[in-house]
Amino acid sequence: MSALPSYTAEQLTGVLALLPDVDSVELKLSVGDQDRPGVVAALGIDTLDARVRQVAFIDTPDLRLSAAGVVVRARRTQRKPGDATVKLRPLLPDQVPDGLRDQPGFKVEVDASPAGYTCSCSLTAEVPDHKVKELYAGTRPLARVLGKAQLALLTARLPEDVGLEDLRVLGPLSLLKCKFAPADLPRPMVAELWFLPDGSRLLELSAKAAPADAFQAAAETKIFLAGHGVDLAVPQEAKTRTALAALAAALDKE
């Protein structure tokens, strides 16, 4: 994780230019399935602390929404309300549509991994669990799950040949989310284990930092992970992109 200290000069310049105008930085590292058991043991992650979640994405079967830089997600969380998110990425801070920054649940965030970084904006709103469940089941349309501002953001960014009626629910996928606080790291971390339709699993480790602390957090997290034997050079998988590809492939087999 914590790719920032090892980025090229051009990448570092790009990140530095973004930091004053973003709300947070999330440092991410995906772990291959073959390395997962060793990483979980080395970091002392207790799977009994994990919370069960479900997540579904809303897109066309051939992922035209994702290709246009729009991600729509609806989640259910064990013993908590659900939520829905409309995300635009990549999107620089100066490209944020007018009025969005004043909306509750809006944020601009940089995701950084050893593979590079992406800046995005998202608008998230709490949704009663039964509404998300009905969306999954196909008995509640997306327009009655998203808030007014979310729906406006989505419809403004739909590709020309795509309407709301062309979108369908992809998923849901099950996942386990576990927060843990290593004794030798000055910030908590999150481990998410995603169960994909083809039977594979994807483990992602992440830590959040304020923009002003991003470089220090990246260096400290890199030292922590390397010190516990985590391989930081493994090929990276973008979690959302990997999940969407797996869900679309599963549709083809139906």
Protein backbone atom coordinates (compact mmCIF):
# COMPACT_ATOMS: atom_id res chain seq x y z
CA MET A 1 0.00 0.00 0.00
CA SER A 2 1.33 3.39 0.49
CA ALA A 3 2.54 3.82 -2.94
CA LEU A 4 2.98 7.56 -2.61
CA PRO A 5 6.67 7.52 -1.55
CA SER A 6 7.59 5.32 -4.54
CA TYR A 7 5.62 7.20 -7.20
CA THR A 8 7.40 8.81 -10.13
CA ALA A 9 8.10 12.55 -10.03
CA GLU A 10 5.20 13.12 -12.41
CA GLN A 11 2.81 11.11 -10.23
CA LEU A 12 3.95 12.91 -7.07
CA THR A 13 3.41 16.25 -8.76
CA GLY A 14 -0.11 15.17 -9.71
CA VAL A 15 -0.96 14.04 -6.19
CA LEU A 16 0.46 17.20 -4.61
CA ALA A 17 -1.66 19.32 -6.93
CA LEU A 18 -4.81 17.48 -5.85
CA LEU A 19 -4.36 17.35 -2.08
CA PRO A 20 -5.44 20.92 -1.18
CA ASP A 21 -8.84 20.38 -2.80
CA VAL A 22 -9.77 16.84 -1.72
CA ASP A 23 -11.51 15.72 1.46
CA SER A 24 -9.55 12.53 2.14
CA VAL A 25 -6.99 10.08 0.86
CA GLU A 26 -7.50 6.32 1.00
CA LEU A 27 -4.45 4.07 0.75
CA LYS A 28 -5.24 0.66 -0.71
CA LEU A 29 -3.55 -2.66 -1.34
CA SER A 30 -5.16 -5.74 -2.89
CA VAL A 31 -3.88 -9.12 -1.74
CA GLY A 32 -3.85 -12.20 -3.94
CA ASP A 33 -5.91 -15.18 -2.83
CA GLN A 34 -2.81 -17.32 -2.43
CA ASP A 35 -1.29 -14.77 -0.01
CA ARG A 36 -4.48 -14.01 1.90
CA PRO A 37 -4.21 -16.54 4.78
CA GLY A 38 -0.64 -15.51 5.56
CA VAL A 39 -1.47 -11.79 5.46
CA VAL A 40 -4.50 -12.22 7.72
CA ALA A 41 -2.40 -14.13 10.26
CA ALA A 42 0.57 -11.76 10.06
CA LEU A 43 -1.55 -8.67 10.66
CA GLY A 44 -3.56 -10.27 13.46
CA ILE A 45 -6.91 -9.74 11.75
CA ASP A 46 -9.67 -11.48 13.72
CA THR A 47 -12.35 -12.54 11.26
CA LEU A 48 -14.88 -12.80 14.10
CA ASP A 49 -14.76 -9.00 14.29
CA ALA A 50 -15.95 -8.72 10.70
CA ARG A 51 -19.31 -7.26 9.72
CA VAL A 52 -21.31 -8.91 6.93
CA ARG A 53 -22.22 -6.72 3.98
CA GLN A 54 -23.87 -7.07 0.60
CA VAL A 55 -23.12 -4.81 -2.33
CA ALA A 56 -24.71 -4.54 -5.76
CA PHE A 57 -23.82 -2.31 -8.68
CA ILE A 58 -26.27 -0.83 -11.10
CA ASP A 59 -25.11 -0.75 -14.72
CA THR A 60 -25.90 -2.10 -18.16
CA PRO A 61 -24.97 -5.75 -18.77
CA ASP A 62 -22.02 -4.57 -20.90
CA LEU A 63 -20.94 -2.00 -18.27
CA ARG A 64 -21.50 1.13 -20.34
CA LEU A 65 -22.05 3.20 -17.22
CA SER A 66 -18.71 2.17 -15.77
CA ALA A 67 -17.03 2.85 -19.11
CA ALA A 68 -18.42 6.39 -18.94
CA GLY A 69 -16.83 6.92 -15.53
CA VAL A 70 -19.98 6.45 -13.43
CA VAL A 71 -20.39 3.90 -10.63
CA VAL A 72 -23.74 3.35 -8.91
CA ARG A 73 -23.68 1.16 -5.81
CA ALA A 74 -26.25 0.02 -3.25
CA ARG A 75 -25.17 -1.69 -0.04
CA ARG A 76 -26.72 -3.55 2.85
CA THR A 77 -24.86 -3.82 6.15
CA GLN A 78 -25.54 -6.23 8.98
CA ARG A 79 -27.59 -4.55 11.72
CA LYS A 80 -27.29 -1.11 10.09
CA PRO A 81 -29.20 0.94 7.51
CA GLY A 82 -28.22 0.56 3.89
CA ASP A 83 -26.76 3.21 1.63
CA ALA A 84 -26.58 4.19 -2.02
CA THR A 85 -23.74 5.96 -3.81
CA VAL A 86 -23.28 7.66 -7.15
CA LYS A 87 -19.59 8.10 -7.94
CA LEU A 88 -17.83 9.85 -10.81
CA ARG A 89 -14.26 8.80 -11.56
CA PRO A 90 -11.81 9.87 -12.52
CA LEU A 91 -12.85 13.42 -11.73
CA LEU A 92 -10.59 16.27 -10.66
CA PRO A 93 -11.72 18.69 -7.94
CA ASP A 94 -12.13 21.56 -10.40
CA GLN A 95 -14.47 19.40 -12.48
CA VAL A 96 -17.01 18.86 -9.68
CA PRO A 97 -20.49 19.90 -10.88
CA ASP A 98 -21.86 23.12 -9.41
CA GLY A 99 -23.71 22.77 -6.12
CA LEU A 100 -22.48 19.27 -5.32
CA ARG A 101 -20.01 20.27 -2.63
CA ASP A 102 -22.85 21.61 -0.50
CA GLN A 103 -24.74 18.29 -0.57
CA PRO A 104 -24.67 16.11 2.57
CA GLY A 105 -22.76 12.90 1.89
CA PHE A 106 -20.58 14.42 -0.82
CA LYS A 107 -16.80 13.96 -0.87
CA VAL A 108 -13.81 14.22 -3.16
CA GLU A 109 -11.27 11.49 -2.49
CA VAL A 110 -7.96 10.24 -3.82
CA ASP A 111 -7.50 6.45 -3.89
CA ALA A 112 -3.81 5.53 -3.93
CA SER A 113 -2.33 2.08 -4.46
CA PRO A 114 1.01 0.74 -5.71
CA ALA A 115 -0.56 0.75 -9.20
CA GLY A 116 -1.29 4.48 -9.19
CA TYR A 117 -3.90 6.93 -7.97
CA THR A 118 -7.37 8.08 -8.94
CA CYS A 119 -9.36 11.11 -7.85
CA SER A 120 -13.14 10.75 -7.70
CA CYS A 121 -16.20 12.43 -6.28
CA SER A 122 -19.14 10.61 -4.73
CA LEU A 123 -22.52 11.35 -3.27
CA THR A 124 -23.73 8.85 -0.67
CA ALA A 125 -27.04 8.75 1.17
CA GLU A 126 -28.43 6.44 3.84
CA VAL A 127 -31.25 4.23 2.58
CA PRO A 128 -33.53 2.04 4.73
CA ASP A 129 -32.43 -1.56 4.47
CA HIS A 130 -35.79 -2.77 3.17
CA LYS A 131 -35.54 -0.41 0.19
CA VAL A 132 -32.12 -1.74 -0.79
CA LYS A 133 -33.39 -5.28 -0.39
CA GLU A 134 -36.34 -4.50 -2.66
CA LEU A 135 -33.97 -2.98 -5.23
CA TYR A 136 -31.98 -6.21 -5.23
CA ALA A 137 -35.18 -8.19 -5.71
CA GLY A 138 -36.34 -6.02 -8.60
CA THR A 139 -39.46 -4.79 -6.82
CA ARG A 140 -38.26 -1.20 -6.28
CA PRO A 141 -36.87 0.93 -9.14
CA LEU A 142 -33.57 2.73 -8.77
CA ALA A 143 -35.30 6.10 -9.02
CA ARG A 144 -37.08 5.32 -5.73
CA VAL A 145 -33.84 4.45 -3.96
CA LEU A 146 -31.60 7.33 -4.97
CA GLY A 147 -32.07 10.80 -3.53
CA LYS A 148 -33.02 13.74 -5.72
CA ALA A 149 -29.45 15.07 -6.00
CA GLN A 150 -28.08 11.58 -6.68
CA LEU A 151 -30.61 10.94 -9.41
CA ALA A 152 -29.83 14.30 -11.03
CA LEU A 153 -26.10 13.54 -10.93
CA LEU A 154 -26.65 10.13 -12.50
CA THR A 155 -29.03 11.21 -15.26
CA ALA A 156 -26.71 14.09 -16.23
CA ARG A 157 -23.89 11.59 -16.74
CA LEU A 158 -25.73 8.78 -18.52
CA PRO A 159 -24.22 7.88 -21.90
CA GLU A 160 -26.34 9.11 -24.82
CA ASP A 161 -27.62 5.64 -25.67
CA VAL A 162 -28.41 4.62 -22.08
CA GLY A 163 -31.54 5.39 -20.08
CA LEU A 164 -32.53 4.45 -16.55
CA GLU A 165 -34.65 1.66 -17.99
CA ASP A 166 -31.49 0.07 -19.46
CA LEU A 167 -29.82 -0.30 -16.09
CA ARG A 168 -30.04 -3.46 -14.05
CA VAL A 169 -28.84 -4.68 -10.69
CA LEU A 170 -25.57 -6.61 -10.89
CA GLY A 171 -25.22 -8.74 -7.79
CA PRO A 172 -25.40 -8.60 -4.89
CA LEU A 173 -22.01 -9.82 -3.75
CA SER A 174 -21.29 -10.78 -0.17
CA LEU A 175 -18.30 -9.40 1.66
CA LEU A 176 -16.77 -9.25 5.12
CA LYS A 177 -15.50 -5.93 6.45
CA CYS A 178 -13.19 -5.90 9.44
CA LYS A 179 -11.71 -2.83 11.14
CA PHE A 180 -8.56 -3.42 13.14
CA ALA A 181 -6.09 -1.22 15.02
CA PRO A 182 -2.49 -2.48 14.87
CA ALA A 183 -0.47 -1.63 17.95
CA ASP A 184 2.50 -0.45 15.87
CA LEU A 185 0.56 1.75 13.44
CA PRO A 186 -0.88 5.14 14.49
CA ARG A 187 -4.12 4.69 12.54
CA PRO A 188 -6.76 1.98 12.11
CA MET A 189 -6.99 -0.17 9.01
CA VAL A 190 -9.80 -1.95 7.22
CA ALA A 191 -9.76 -5.39 5.61
CA GLU A 192 -12.49 -6.27 3.13
CA LEU A 193 -12.88 -9.77 1.75
CA TRP A 194 -15.08 -9.89 -1.35
CA PHE A 195 -16.64 -13.14 -2.56
CA LEU A 196 -16.90 -13.01 -6.36
CA PRO A 197 -19.39 -14.99 -8.50
CA ASP A 198 -16.69 -17.21 -10.02
CA GLY A 199 -15.71 -18.49 -6.58
CA SER A 200 -12.59 -16.33 -6.26
CA ARG A 201 -12.02 -13.89 -3.43
CA LEU A 202 -10.42 -10.48 -3.25
CA LEU A 203 -8.88 -9.11 -0.07
CA GLU A 204 -8.28 -5.38 0.09
CA LEU A 205 -6.44 -3.59 2.89
CA SER A 206 -7.01 0.13 3.30
CA ALA A 207 -6.31 3.08 5.56
CA LYS A 208 -7.66 6.61 5.39
CA ALA A 209 -5.72 9.81 5.98
CA ALA A 210 -6.35 13.52 5.92
CA PRO A 211 -4.83 15.13 2.82
CA ALA A 212 -2.21 16.96 4.89
CA ASP A 213 -1.07 13.66 6.41
CA ALA A 214 -1.16 11.57 3.24
CA PHE A 215 2.57 11.21 2.66
CA GLN A 216 3.39 10.45 6.29
CA ALA A 217 0.51 7.97 6.49
CA ALA A 218 1.68 6.29 3.28
CA ALA A 219 5.24 5.92 4.53
CA GLU A 220 4.17 4.61 7.95
CA THR A 221 1.72 2.13 6.44
CA LYS A 222 4.28 0.90 3.94
CA ILE A 223 6.82 0.30 6.72
CA PHE A 224 4.18 -1.48 8.83
CA LEU A 225 3.06 -3.82 6.06
CA ALA A 226 6.56 -4.60 4.82
CA GLY A 227 7.62 -5.27 8.41
CA HIS A 228 4.90 -7.91 8.67
CA GLY A 229 5.96 -9.66 5.49
CA VAL A 230 3.26 -8.27 3.20
CA ASP A 231 4.40 -8.20 -0.43
CA LEU A 232 3.81 -4.68 -1.74
CA ALA A 233 4.91 -5.57 -5.27
CA VAL A 234 2.09 -7.96 -6.12
CA PRO A 235 -0.12 -7.04 -9.11
CA GLN A 236 -3.02 -4.86 -8.03
CA GLU A 237 -6.70 -5.40 -8.75
CA ALA A 238 -9.08 -2.47 -8.60
CA LYS A 239 -11.85 -3.77 -6.36
CA THR A 240 -14.83 -2.19 -8.11
CA ARG A 241 -13.53 -2.89 -11.60
CA THR A 242 -12.78 -6.52 -10.71
CA ALA A 243 -16.21 -6.99 -9.13
CA LEU A 244 -18.04 -5.44 -12.09
CA ALA A 245 -16.14 -7.60 -14.58
CA ALA A 246 -16.95 -10.73 -12.57
CA LEU A 247 -20.64 -9.80 -12.32
CA ALA A 248 -20.89 -9.07 -16.05
CA ALA A 249 -19.23 -12.40 -16.83
CA ALA A 250 -21.73 -14.15 -14.57
CA LEU A 251 -24.59 -12.53 -16.51
CA ASP A 252 -23.24 -14.01 -19.74
CA LYS A 253 -23.55 -17.47 -18.24
CA GLU A 254 -27.18 -17.08 -17.21
